[in-house]
Amino acid sequence: MNYWEQIKQILSRKISPPSYLRWLARTWLKRAKGTVLSVAVPDEVTKEWMQHEFAGDIWSAIRELDFPFRQIVYEVSAAEEEGILNSTWQQKK
């Protein structure tokens, strides 16, 4: 499981299922390099929500997992272009 999926797994236990599906299920790891974690999001609204509403929970999960990240970059990118399917939520069902 990649870094972001591990973070999402922790967040899935802290937020409501509708919130998870709306804001987190459609995000995925773009890349992790050094202390920078790049996360793909489907649109600007999700990007803003992640930066403002979930920032504290995300940094808490990063600390809990003892990951080396000091910066998170959210990049708007279409899931279809990446060929990515989110599996975290599907596995929880």
N, C-alpha and C. Protein backbone atom coordinates (compact mmCIF):
# COMPACT_ATOMS: atom_id res chain seq x y z
N MET A 1 0.86 -1.18 0.00
CA MET A 1 0.00 0.00 0.00
C MET A 1 0.91 1.24 0.00
N ASN A 2 0.60 2.21 -0.87
CA ASN A 2 1.46 3.39 -0.96
C ASN A 2 1.18 4.37 0.20
N TYR A 3 2.02 5.40 0.28
CA TYR A 3 1.90 6.37 1.37
C TYR A 3 0.49 6.96 1.48
N TRP A 4 -0.02 7.44 0.37
CA TRP A 4 -1.32 8.13 0.41
C TRP A 4 -2.45 7.18 0.79
N GLU A 5 -2.40 5.96 0.29
CA GLU A 5 -3.44 4.99 0.65
C GLU A 5 -3.41 4.69 2.15
N GLN A 6 -2.23 4.66 2.74
CA GLN A 6 -2.14 4.45 4.19
C GLN A 6 -2.74 5.63 4.95
N ILE A 7 -2.45 6.83 4.47
CA ILE A 7 -3.03 8.02 5.09
C ILE A 7 -4.55 7.99 4.95
N LYS A 8 -5.03 7.67 3.76
CA LYS A 8 -6.48 7.60 3.54
C LYS A 8 -7.13 6.54 4.43
N GLN A 9 -6.44 5.46 4.66
CA GLN A 9 -6.99 4.40 5.52
C GLN A 9 -7.22 4.94 6.93
N ILE A 10 -6.28 5.70 7.45
CA ILE A 10 -6.46 6.30 8.78
C ILE A 10 -7.60 7.31 8.76
N LEU A 11 -7.64 8.15 7.73
CA LEU A 11 -8.70 9.16 7.63
C LEU A 11 -10.08 8.52 7.51
N SER A 12 -10.16 7.37 6.86
CA SER A 12 -11.46 6.71 6.69
C SER A 12 -12.08 6.30 8.02
N ARG A 13 -11.24 6.17 9.05
CA ARG A 13 -11.74 5.83 10.38
C ARG A 13 -12.13 7.07 11.19
N LYS A 14 -11.74 8.25 10.71
CA LYS A 14 -11.97 9.48 11.46
C LYS A 14 -13.09 10.34 10.89
N ILE A 15 -13.46 10.13 9.64
CA ILE A 15 -14.49 10.96 9.03
C ILE A 15 -15.67 10.11 8.59
N SER A 16 -16.78 10.74 8.33
CA SER A 16 -17.98 10.01 7.95
C SER A 16 -17.82 9.38 6.56
N PRO A 17 -18.50 8.26 6.31
CA PRO A 17 -18.43 7.65 4.98
C PRO A 17 -18.82 8.60 3.84
N PRO A 18 -19.88 9.41 3.99
CA PRO A 18 -20.19 10.34 2.89
C PRO A 18 -19.06 11.35 2.62
N SER A 19 -18.43 11.86 3.68
CA SER A 19 -17.31 12.79 3.50
C SER A 19 -16.14 12.10 2.84
N TYR A 20 -15.85 10.87 3.26
CA TYR A 20 -14.76 10.12 2.65
C TYR A 20 -15.01 9.95 1.14
N LEU A 21 -16.21 9.51 0.81
CA LEU A 21 -16.53 9.29 -0.60
C LEU A 21 -16.47 10.58 -1.41
N ARG A 22 -16.93 11.66 -0.84
CA ARG A 22 -16.97 12.94 -1.56
C ARG A 22 -15.58 13.53 -1.76
N TRP A 23 -14.73 13.50 -0.71
CA TRP A 23 -13.48 14.24 -0.76
C TRP A 23 -12.23 13.39 -0.91
N LEU A 24 -12.20 12.21 -0.38
CA LEU A 24 -10.95 11.43 -0.37
C LEU A 24 -10.90 10.27 -1.36
N ALA A 25 -12.03 9.65 -1.61
CA ALA A 25 -12.03 8.44 -2.44
C ALA A 25 -11.49 8.70 -3.85
N ARG A 26 -11.65 9.92 -4.33
CA ARG A 26 -11.22 10.23 -5.70
C ARG A 26 -9.84 10.88 -5.76
N THR A 27 -9.03 10.68 -4.73
CA THR A 27 -7.66 11.19 -4.71
C THR A 27 -6.69 10.02 -4.76
N TRP A 28 -5.49 10.28 -5.24
CA TRP A 28 -4.48 9.21 -5.31
C TRP A 28 -3.09 9.81 -5.27
N LEU A 29 -2.13 8.95 -4.97
CA LEU A 29 -0.72 9.36 -4.91
C LEU A 29 -0.23 9.66 -6.32
N LYS A 30 0.33 10.83 -6.48
CA LYS A 30 0.95 11.21 -7.74
C LYS A 30 2.43 10.83 -7.68
N ARG A 31 3.09 11.26 -6.59
CA ARG A 31 4.47 10.86 -6.35
C ARG A 31 4.86 11.23 -4.91
N ALA A 32 5.88 10.56 -4.43
CA ALA A 32 6.46 10.85 -3.12
C ALA A 32 7.97 10.90 -3.32
N LYS A 33 8.53 12.07 -3.07
CA LYS A 33 9.97 12.24 -3.28
C LYS A 33 10.54 13.06 -2.14
N GLY A 34 11.43 12.43 -1.39
CA GLY A 34 12.03 13.12 -0.25
C GLY A 34 10.98 13.50 0.77
N THR A 35 10.89 14.79 1.04
CA THR A 35 9.93 15.27 2.05
C THR A 35 8.66 15.84 1.42
N VAL A 36 8.49 15.63 0.10
CA VAL A 36 7.32 16.16 -0.60
C VAL A 36 6.39 15.03 -1.05
N LEU A 37 5.14 15.14 -0.65
CA LEU A 37 4.10 14.20 -1.06
C LEU A 37 3.20 14.92 -2.05
N SER A 38 3.07 14.38 -3.26
CA SER A 38 2.19 14.96 -4.28
C SER A 38 0.96 14.08 -4.43
N VAL A 39 -0.20 14.70 -4.27
CA VAL A 39 -1.47 13.99 -4.30
C VAL A 39 -2.32 14.54 -5.44
N ALA A 40 -2.84 13.65 -6.26
CA ALA A 40 -3.72 14.04 -7.36
C ALA A 40 -5.14 14.15 -6.84
N VAL A 41 -5.83 15.21 -7.26
CA VAL A 41 -7.23 15.44 -6.92
C VAL A 41 -8.00 15.70 -8.21
N PRO A 42 -9.30 15.41 -8.22
CA PRO A 42 -10.05 15.51 -9.46
C PRO A 42 -10.42 16.93 -9.90
N ASP A 43 -10.44 17.89 -8.96
CA ASP A 43 -10.87 19.24 -9.33
C ASP A 43 -10.38 20.25 -8.30
N GLU A 44 -10.55 21.53 -8.64
CA GLU A 44 -10.10 22.62 -7.76
C GLU A 44 -10.85 22.65 -6.43
N VAL A 45 -12.13 22.32 -6.46
CA VAL A 45 -12.91 22.33 -5.22
C VAL A 45 -12.34 21.31 -4.24
N THR A 46 -12.04 20.13 -4.72
CA THR A 46 -11.45 19.09 -3.86
C THR A 46 -10.09 19.54 -3.36
N LYS A 47 -9.30 20.15 -4.23
CA LYS A 47 -7.98 20.66 -3.83
C LYS A 47 -8.11 21.64 -2.66
N GLU A 48 -9.02 22.60 -2.80
CA GLU A 48 -9.23 23.59 -1.74
C GLU A 48 -9.71 22.93 -0.44
N TRP A 49 -10.62 21.98 -0.58
CA TRP A 49 -11.16 21.28 0.60
C TRP A 49 -10.05 20.52 1.33
N MET A 50 -9.21 19.85 0.56
CA MET A 50 -8.11 19.09 1.16
C MET A 50 -7.15 20.02 1.89
N GLN A 51 -6.84 21.16 1.29
CA GLN A 51 -5.88 22.10 1.87
C GLN A 51 -6.41 22.77 3.13
N HIS A 52 -7.72 22.96 3.21
CA HIS A 52 -8.27 23.71 4.33
C HIS A 52 -9.02 22.86 5.35
N GLU A 53 -9.87 21.98 4.90
CA GLU A 53 -10.72 21.23 5.82
C GLU A 53 -10.06 19.97 6.39
N PHE A 54 -9.20 19.34 5.64
CA PHE A 54 -8.61 18.08 6.09
C PHE A 54 -7.13 18.19 6.45
N ALA A 55 -6.56 19.37 6.35
CA ALA A 55 -5.12 19.53 6.58
C ALA A 55 -4.68 18.97 7.94
N GLY A 56 -5.39 19.33 8.99
CA GLY A 56 -5.01 18.86 10.32
C GLY A 56 -5.05 17.36 10.45
N ASP A 57 -6.11 16.73 9.93
CA ASP A 57 -6.24 15.28 10.00
C ASP A 57 -5.16 14.58 9.16
N ILE A 58 -4.84 15.17 8.02
CA ILE A 58 -3.82 14.58 7.15
C ILE A 58 -2.45 14.65 7.82
N TRP A 59 -2.11 15.82 8.37
CA TRP A 59 -0.81 15.92 9.06
C TRP A 59 -0.76 15.03 10.29
N SER A 60 -1.86 14.87 10.97
CA SER A 60 -1.92 13.96 12.11
C SER A 60 -1.63 12.52 11.67
N ALA A 61 -2.21 12.10 10.55
CA ALA A 61 -1.97 10.75 10.03
C ALA A 61 -0.52 10.58 9.60
N ILE A 62 0.06 11.60 9.01
CA ILE A 62 1.47 11.55 8.59
C ILE A 62 2.37 11.36 9.81
N ARG A 63 2.08 12.09 10.87
CA ARG A 63 2.87 11.93 12.11
C ARG A 63 2.65 10.55 12.72
N GLU A 64 1.40 10.10 12.74
CA GLU A 64 1.08 8.77 13.30
C GLU A 64 1.84 7.67 12.57
N LEU A 65 1.95 7.80 11.25
CA LEU A 65 2.63 6.80 10.43
C LEU A 65 4.15 7.03 10.37
N ASP A 66 4.61 8.12 10.95
CA ASP A 66 6.03 8.46 10.98
C ASP A 66 6.62 8.59 9.57
N PHE A 67 5.86 9.22 8.68
CA PHE A 67 6.32 9.47 7.32
C PHE A 67 7.20 10.71 7.30
N PRO A 68 8.11 10.82 6.34
CA PRO A 68 9.09 11.92 6.33
C PRO A 68 8.61 13.23 5.71
N PHE A 69 7.35 13.33 5.34
CA PHE A 69 6.88 14.47 4.57
C PHE A 69 6.79 15.76 5.37
N ARG A 70 7.17 16.85 4.72
CA ARG A 70 7.10 18.19 5.31
C ARG A 70 6.26 19.12 4.42
N GLN A 71 5.89 18.63 3.24
CA GLN A 71 5.08 19.42 2.31
C GLN A 71 4.16 18.49 1.55
N ILE A 72 2.93 18.95 1.34
CA ILE A 72 1.97 18.22 0.51
C ILE A 72 1.56 19.14 -0.63
N VAL A 73 1.65 18.62 -1.84
CA VAL A 73 1.26 19.35 -3.04
C VAL A 73 0.05 18.64 -3.63
N TYR A 74 -1.04 19.38 -3.81
CA TYR A 74 -2.23 18.81 -4.43
C TYR A 74 -2.27 19.26 -5.89
N GLU A 75 -2.40 18.30 -6.80
CA GLU A 75 -2.41 18.58 -8.23
C GLU A 75 -3.72 18.12 -8.84
N VAL A 76 -4.38 19.01 -9.56
CA VAL A 76 -5.62 18.64 -10.23
C VAL A 76 -5.28 17.76 -11.42
N SER A 77 -5.87 16.57 -11.46
CA SER A 77 -5.60 15.60 -12.52
C SER A 77 -6.79 14.67 -12.63
N ALA A 78 -7.20 14.37 -13.86
CA ALA A 78 -8.35 13.49 -14.08
C ALA A 78 -7.96 12.03 -13.85
N ALA A 79 -8.76 11.31 -13.08
CA ALA A 79 -8.48 9.91 -12.78
C ALA A 79 -8.44 9.06 -14.04
N GLU A 80 -9.29 9.38 -14.99
CA GLU A 80 -9.35 8.59 -16.21
C GLU A 80 -8.04 8.68 -16.98
N GLU A 81 -7.42 9.85 -16.96
CA GLU A 81 -6.14 10.03 -17.65
C GLU A 81 -5.04 9.21 -17.00
N GLU A 82 -5.11 9.09 -15.69
CA GLU A 82 -4.10 8.36 -14.95
C GLU A 82 -4.34 6.85 -14.96
N GLY A 83 -5.55 6.45 -15.28
CA GLY A 83 -5.88 5.04 -15.23
C GLY A 83 -5.92 4.50 -13.81
N ILE A 84 -6.28 5.35 -12.88
CA ILE A 84 -6.26 4.99 -11.47
C ILE A 84 -7.67 4.62 -11.00
N LEU A 85 -7.76 3.56 -10.25
CA LEU A 85 -9.01 3.19 -9.58
C LEU A 85 -8.75 3.18 -8.10
N ASN A 86 -9.60 3.84 -7.35
CA ASN A 86 -9.42 3.86 -5.90
C ASN A 86 -9.89 2.54 -5.32
N SER A 87 -9.04 1.92 -4.53
CA SER A 87 -9.40 0.63 -3.96
C SER A 87 -9.62 0.66 -2.47
N THR A 88 -9.17 1.70 -1.79
CA THR A 88 -9.26 1.72 -0.34
C THR A 88 -10.69 1.56 0.15
N TRP A 89 -11.60 2.35 -0.37
CA TRP A 89 -12.98 2.30 0.09
C TRP A 89 -13.63 0.99 -0.32
N GLN A 90 -13.33 0.51 -1.52
CA GLN A 90 -13.90 -0.74 -1.99
C GLN A 90 -13.51 -1.90 -1.07
N GLN A 91 -12.26 -1.89 -0.60
CA GLN A 91 -11.79 -2.96 0.28
C GLN A 91 -12.49 -2.93 1.63
N LYS A 92 -12.91 -1.75 2.07
CA LYS A 92 -13.56 -1.63 3.37
C LYS A 92 -14.99 -2.16 3.36
N LYS A 93 -15.60 -2.27 2.18
CA LYS A 93 -17.00 -2.72 2.10
C LYS A 93 -17.11 -4.19 2.35
